[in-house]
């Protein structure tokens, strides 16, 4: 994708995308369970983990590793899947 078509999101806009994606996960018990299992976070430590740097990037990583989930969520949120990838890139971290 060209850089013109994939504009970088601000950090704040990327955080909003990630928070909305996490809200979606929280509304889907099976997905939330899978996210917690893969991330090593327990339901008891979720609140504390959510305030850690990298948590929101991890939420977006979860979506980006499952194309069906990514597309389904993007359709539900009425955003292009590339917005999720752009948000992840804007949050920085290990997937830069």
N, C-alpha and C. Protein backbone atom coordinates (compact mmCIF):
# COMPACT_ATOMS: atom_id res chain seq x y z
N UNK A 1 0.84 -1.17 0.00
CA UNK A 1 0.00 0.00 0.00
C UNK A 1 0.89 1.23 0.00
N UNK A 2 0.53 2.21 -0.77
CA UNK A 2 1.35 3.41 -0.86
C UNK A 2 1.23 4.24 0.40
N UNK A 3 2.25 5.03 0.66
CA UNK A 3 2.24 5.86 1.86
C UNK A 3 1.13 6.90 1.80
N UNK A 4 0.75 7.32 0.59
CA UNK A 4 -0.33 8.30 0.47
C UNK A 4 -1.66 7.71 0.92
N UNK A 5 -1.88 6.43 0.65
CA UNK A 5 -3.15 5.80 0.99
C UNK A 5 -3.18 5.32 2.43
N UNK A 6 -2.03 5.14 3.03
CA UNK A 6 -1.96 4.64 4.40
C UNK A 6 -1.38 5.71 5.30
N UNK A 7 -2.18 6.73 5.54
CA UNK A 7 -1.73 7.84 6.36
C UNK A 7 -1.54 7.38 7.80
N UNK A 8 -0.48 7.86 8.40
CA UNK A 8 -0.19 7.50 9.78
C UNK A 8 -1.19 8.19 10.70
N UNK A 9 -1.70 7.44 11.65
CA UNK A 9 -2.62 7.99 12.64
C UNK A 9 -1.82 8.64 13.76
N UNK A 10 -2.42 9.61 14.40
CA UNK A 10 -1.80 10.16 15.60
C UNK A 10 -1.85 9.09 16.68
N UNK A 11 -1.03 9.25 17.68
CA UNK A 11 -1.02 8.30 18.79
C UNK A 11 -2.39 8.26 19.46
N UNK A 12 -2.98 9.41 19.64
CA UNK A 12 -4.31 9.48 20.27
C UNK A 12 -5.36 8.76 19.44
N UNK A 13 -5.36 8.96 18.13
CA UNK A 13 -6.31 8.29 17.25
C UNK A 13 -6.09 6.78 17.27
N UNK A 14 -4.83 6.36 17.33
CA UNK A 14 -4.50 4.94 17.38
C UNK A 14 -5.01 4.32 18.69
N UNK A 15 -4.87 5.05 19.78
CA UNK A 15 -5.38 4.56 21.06
C UNK A 15 -6.90 4.40 21.02
N UNK A 16 -7.58 5.31 20.36
CA UNK A 16 -9.04 5.21 20.24
C UNK A 16 -9.42 3.96 19.46
N UNK A 17 -8.73 3.70 18.37
CA UNK A 17 -8.98 2.49 17.58
C UNK A 17 -8.78 1.26 18.46
N UNK A 18 -7.71 1.23 19.23
CA UNK A 18 -7.41 0.07 20.08
C UNK A 18 -8.42 -0.09 21.21
N UNK A 19 -8.83 0.99 21.81
CA UNK A 19 -9.83 0.91 22.89
C UNK A 19 -11.15 0.40 22.34
N UNK A 20 -11.53 0.87 21.18
CA UNK A 20 -12.77 0.38 20.55
C UNK A 20 -12.65 -1.10 20.20
N UNK A 21 -11.49 -1.52 19.74
CA UNK A 21 -11.27 -2.93 19.43
C UNK A 21 -11.35 -3.77 20.72
N UNK A 22 -10.78 -3.26 21.80
CA UNK A 22 -10.86 -3.99 23.06
C UNK A 22 -12.30 -4.05 23.56
N UNK A 23 -13.06 -3.01 23.38
CA UNK A 23 -14.48 -3.02 23.77
C UNK A 23 -15.22 -4.12 23.02
N UNK A 24 -14.88 -4.28 21.75
CA UNK A 24 -15.46 -5.36 20.96
C UNK A 24 -15.09 -6.71 21.57
N UNK A 25 -13.81 -6.89 21.91
CA UNK A 25 -13.38 -8.15 22.53
C UNK A 25 -14.15 -8.41 23.83
N UNK A 26 -14.29 -7.37 24.63
CA UNK A 26 -14.97 -7.51 25.91
C UNK A 26 -16.43 -7.92 25.75
N UNK A 27 -17.02 -7.58 24.61
CA UNK A 27 -18.42 -7.92 24.37
C UNK A 27 -18.59 -9.33 23.80
N UNK A 28 -17.49 -9.98 23.49
CA UNK A 28 -17.50 -11.33 22.92
C UNK A 28 -16.72 -12.27 23.84
N UNK A 29 -17.41 -12.94 24.78
CA UNK A 29 -16.71 -13.74 25.80
C UNK A 29 -15.70 -14.74 25.24
N UNK A 30 -16.01 -15.43 24.15
CA UNK A 30 -15.05 -16.40 23.61
C UNK A 30 -13.79 -15.73 23.10
N UNK A 31 -13.95 -14.58 22.44
CA UNK A 31 -12.78 -13.85 21.95
C UNK A 31 -11.95 -13.30 23.11
N UNK A 32 -12.64 -12.77 24.12
CA UNK A 32 -11.92 -12.24 25.27
C UNK A 32 -11.13 -13.35 25.96
N UNK A 33 -11.75 -14.50 26.09
CA UNK A 33 -11.07 -15.64 26.70
C UNK A 33 -9.81 -16.02 25.91
N UNK A 34 -9.94 -16.05 24.60
CA UNK A 34 -8.79 -16.39 23.75
C UNK A 34 -7.70 -15.32 23.86
N UNK A 35 -8.09 -14.06 23.86
CA UNK A 35 -7.12 -12.97 24.02
C UNK A 35 -6.38 -13.10 25.34
N UNK A 36 -7.11 -13.33 26.41
CA UNK A 36 -6.48 -13.45 27.72
C UNK A 36 -5.53 -14.64 27.75
N UNK A 37 -5.96 -15.76 27.20
CA UNK A 37 -5.10 -16.95 27.19
C UNK A 37 -3.82 -16.71 26.40
N UNK A 38 -3.94 -16.09 25.25
CA UNK A 38 -2.75 -15.86 24.41
C UNK A 38 -1.83 -14.80 24.98
N UNK A 39 -2.41 -13.84 25.67
CA UNK A 39 -1.59 -12.75 26.22
C UNK A 39 -1.01 -13.07 27.59
N UNK A 40 -1.54 -14.13 28.23
CA UNK A 40 -1.06 -14.48 29.56
C UNK A 40 -1.66 -13.62 30.66
N UNK A 41 -2.70 -12.88 30.33
CA UNK A 41 -3.37 -12.03 31.31
C UNK A 41 -4.54 -12.81 31.89
N UNK A 42 -4.71 -12.72 33.19
CA UNK A 42 -5.85 -13.39 33.82
C UNK A 42 -6.98 -12.38 33.99
N UNK A 43 -8.20 -12.85 34.15
CA UNK A 43 -9.30 -11.92 34.40
C UNK A 43 -9.04 -11.05 35.63
N UNK A 44 -8.35 -11.61 36.62
CA UNK A 44 -8.06 -10.87 37.84
C UNK A 44 -7.04 -9.76 37.64
N UNK A 45 -6.18 -9.91 36.66
CA UNK A 45 -5.13 -8.91 36.44
C UNK A 45 -5.41 -8.02 35.22
N UNK A 46 -6.56 -8.20 34.60
CA UNK A 46 -6.88 -7.45 33.38
C UNK A 46 -6.87 -5.94 33.60
N UNK A 47 -7.47 -5.48 34.68
CA UNK A 47 -7.51 -4.03 34.94
C UNK A 47 -6.10 -3.45 35.05
N UNK A 48 -5.25 -4.10 35.80
CA UNK A 48 -3.87 -3.63 35.95
C UNK A 48 -3.12 -3.71 34.62
N UNK A 49 -3.31 -4.81 33.90
CA UNK A 49 -2.62 -4.99 32.62
C UNK A 49 -3.03 -3.94 31.61
N UNK A 50 -4.29 -3.53 31.65
CA UNK A 50 -4.78 -2.57 30.66
C UNK A 50 -4.13 -1.21 30.79
N UNK A 51 -3.53 -0.93 31.92
CA UNK A 51 -2.86 0.37 32.08
C UNK A 51 -1.37 0.29 31.75
N UNK A 52 -0.90 -0.89 31.40
CA UNK A 52 0.51 -1.08 31.06
C UNK A 52 0.80 -0.59 29.64
N UNK A 53 2.00 -0.03 29.44
CA UNK A 53 2.40 0.31 28.07
C UNK A 53 2.42 -0.97 27.24
N UNK A 54 1.95 -0.88 26.07
CA UNK A 54 1.96 -2.04 25.20
C UNK A 54 0.67 -2.84 25.19
N UNK A 55 -0.22 -2.60 26.16
CA UNK A 55 -1.46 -3.36 26.20
C UNK A 55 -2.30 -3.11 24.96
N UNK A 56 -2.50 -1.85 24.61
CA UNK A 56 -3.33 -1.53 23.44
C UNK A 56 -2.70 -2.05 22.15
N UNK A 57 -1.39 -1.98 22.06
CA UNK A 57 -0.72 -2.56 20.89
C UNK A 57 -0.96 -4.06 20.84
N UNK A 58 -0.95 -4.71 21.99
CA UNK A 58 -1.23 -6.14 22.06
C UNK A 58 -2.64 -6.48 21.61
N UNK A 59 -3.58 -5.61 21.94
CA UNK A 59 -4.96 -5.81 21.49
C UNK A 59 -5.00 -5.79 19.96
N UNK A 60 -4.35 -4.81 19.37
CA UNK A 60 -4.34 -4.73 17.91
C UNK A 60 -3.57 -5.89 17.28
N UNK A 61 -2.49 -6.32 17.92
CA UNK A 61 -1.76 -7.49 17.43
C UNK A 61 -2.67 -8.71 17.38
N UNK A 62 -3.52 -8.85 18.39
CA UNK A 62 -4.45 -9.97 18.43
C UNK A 62 -5.34 -9.98 17.19
N UNK A 63 -5.84 -8.82 16.81
CA UNK A 63 -6.68 -8.73 15.61
C UNK A 63 -5.87 -8.98 14.35
N UNK A 64 -4.66 -8.46 14.31
CA UNK A 64 -3.84 -8.56 13.10
C UNK A 64 -3.31 -9.97 12.85
N UNK A 65 -3.34 -10.83 13.84
CA UNK A 65 -2.87 -12.20 13.64
C UNK A 65 -3.98 -13.14 13.20
N UNK A 66 -5.20 -12.63 13.10
CA UNK A 66 -6.34 -13.47 12.69
C UNK A 66 -7.14 -12.70 11.65
N UNK A 67 -6.90 -13.00 10.39
CA UNK A 67 -7.51 -12.24 9.30
C UNK A 67 -9.03 -12.25 9.36
N UNK A 68 -9.61 -13.40 9.68
CA UNK A 68 -11.08 -13.46 9.75
C UNK A 68 -11.61 -12.53 10.84
N UNK A 69 -10.96 -12.55 12.00
CA UNK A 69 -11.36 -11.66 13.09
C UNK A 69 -11.16 -10.20 12.69
N UNK A 70 -10.03 -9.91 12.08
CA UNK A 70 -9.73 -8.55 11.64
C UNK A 70 -10.80 -8.03 10.70
N UNK A 71 -11.13 -8.81 9.70
CA UNK A 71 -12.13 -8.38 8.71
C UNK A 71 -13.51 -8.27 9.35
N UNK A 72 -13.88 -9.24 10.18
CA UNK A 72 -15.19 -9.20 10.84
C UNK A 72 -15.32 -7.97 11.72
N UNK A 73 -14.28 -7.68 12.50
CA UNK A 73 -14.33 -6.51 13.36
C UNK A 73 -14.36 -5.22 12.53
N UNK A 74 -13.53 -5.14 11.52
CA UNK A 74 -13.48 -3.94 10.69
C UNK A 74 -14.84 -3.66 10.06
N UNK A 75 -15.49 -4.71 9.59
CA UNK A 75 -16.83 -4.54 9.02
C UNK A 75 -17.81 -4.05 10.07
N UNK A 76 -17.76 -4.64 11.24
CA UNK A 76 -18.67 -4.22 12.32
C UNK A 76 -18.41 -2.78 12.75
N UNK A 77 -17.16 -2.40 12.79
CA UNK A 77 -16.78 -1.04 13.21
C UNK A 77 -16.88 -0.03 12.06
N UNK A 78 -17.15 -0.53 10.87
CA UNK A 78 -17.25 0.30 9.66
C UNK A 78 -15.96 1.09 9.41
N UNK A 79 -14.84 0.38 9.53
CA UNK A 79 -13.53 0.97 9.24
C UNK A 79 -12.77 -0.01 8.34
N UNK A 80 -11.86 0.50 7.54
CA UNK A 80 -11.06 -0.43 6.73
C UNK A 80 -10.07 -1.18 7.63
N UNK A 81 -9.80 -2.44 7.34
CA UNK A 81 -8.82 -3.19 8.13
C UNK A 81 -7.45 -2.50 8.18
N UNK A 82 -7.13 -1.76 7.16
CA UNK A 82 -5.84 -1.07 7.15
C UNK A 82 -5.75 0.00 8.23
N UNK A 83 -6.89 0.48 8.71
CA UNK A 83 -6.88 1.46 9.81
C UNK A 83 -6.37 0.80 11.09
N UNK A 84 -6.70 -0.45 11.27
CA UNK A 84 -6.21 -1.18 12.45
C UNK A 84 -4.70 -1.37 12.36
N UNK A 85 -4.23 -1.71 11.18
CA UNK A 85 -2.78 -1.86 10.97
C UNK A 85 -2.07 -0.52 11.16
N UNK A 86 -2.66 0.55 10.66
CA UNK A 86 -2.05 1.88 10.82
C UNK A 86 -2.03 2.29 12.29
N UNK A 87 -3.10 1.94 13.02
CA UNK A 87 -3.14 2.24 14.45
C UNK A 87 -2.04 1.48 15.18
N UNK A 88 -1.86 0.22 14.81
CA UNK A 88 -0.82 -0.58 15.46
C UNK A 88 0.55 0.02 15.21
N UNK A 89 0.78 0.44 13.99
CA UNK A 89 2.06 1.05 13.66
C UNK A 89 2.27 2.35 14.44
N UNK A 90 1.23 3.13 14.59
CA UNK A 90 1.34 4.39 15.33
C UNK A 90 1.62 4.19 16.81
N UNK A 91 1.17 3.06 17.35
CA UNK A 91 1.40 2.80 18.78
C UNK A 91 2.84 2.38 19.04
N UNK A 92 3.56 2.01 17.99
CA UNK A 92 4.97 1.65 18.15
C UNK A 92 5.16 0.33 18.86
N UNK A 93 6.37 0.09 19.30
CA UNK A 93 6.66 -1.17 19.99
C UNK A 93 7.37 -2.15 19.09
N UNK A 94 7.20 -3.41 19.40
CA UNK A 94 7.97 -4.46 18.73
C UNK A 94 7.60 -4.71 17.28
N UNK A 95 6.44 -4.26 16.83
CA UNK A 95 6.04 -4.51 15.44
C UNK A 95 6.28 -3.30 14.55
N UNK A 96 7.18 -2.42 14.93
CA UNK A 96 7.47 -1.23 14.09
C UNK A 96 7.98 -1.63 12.75
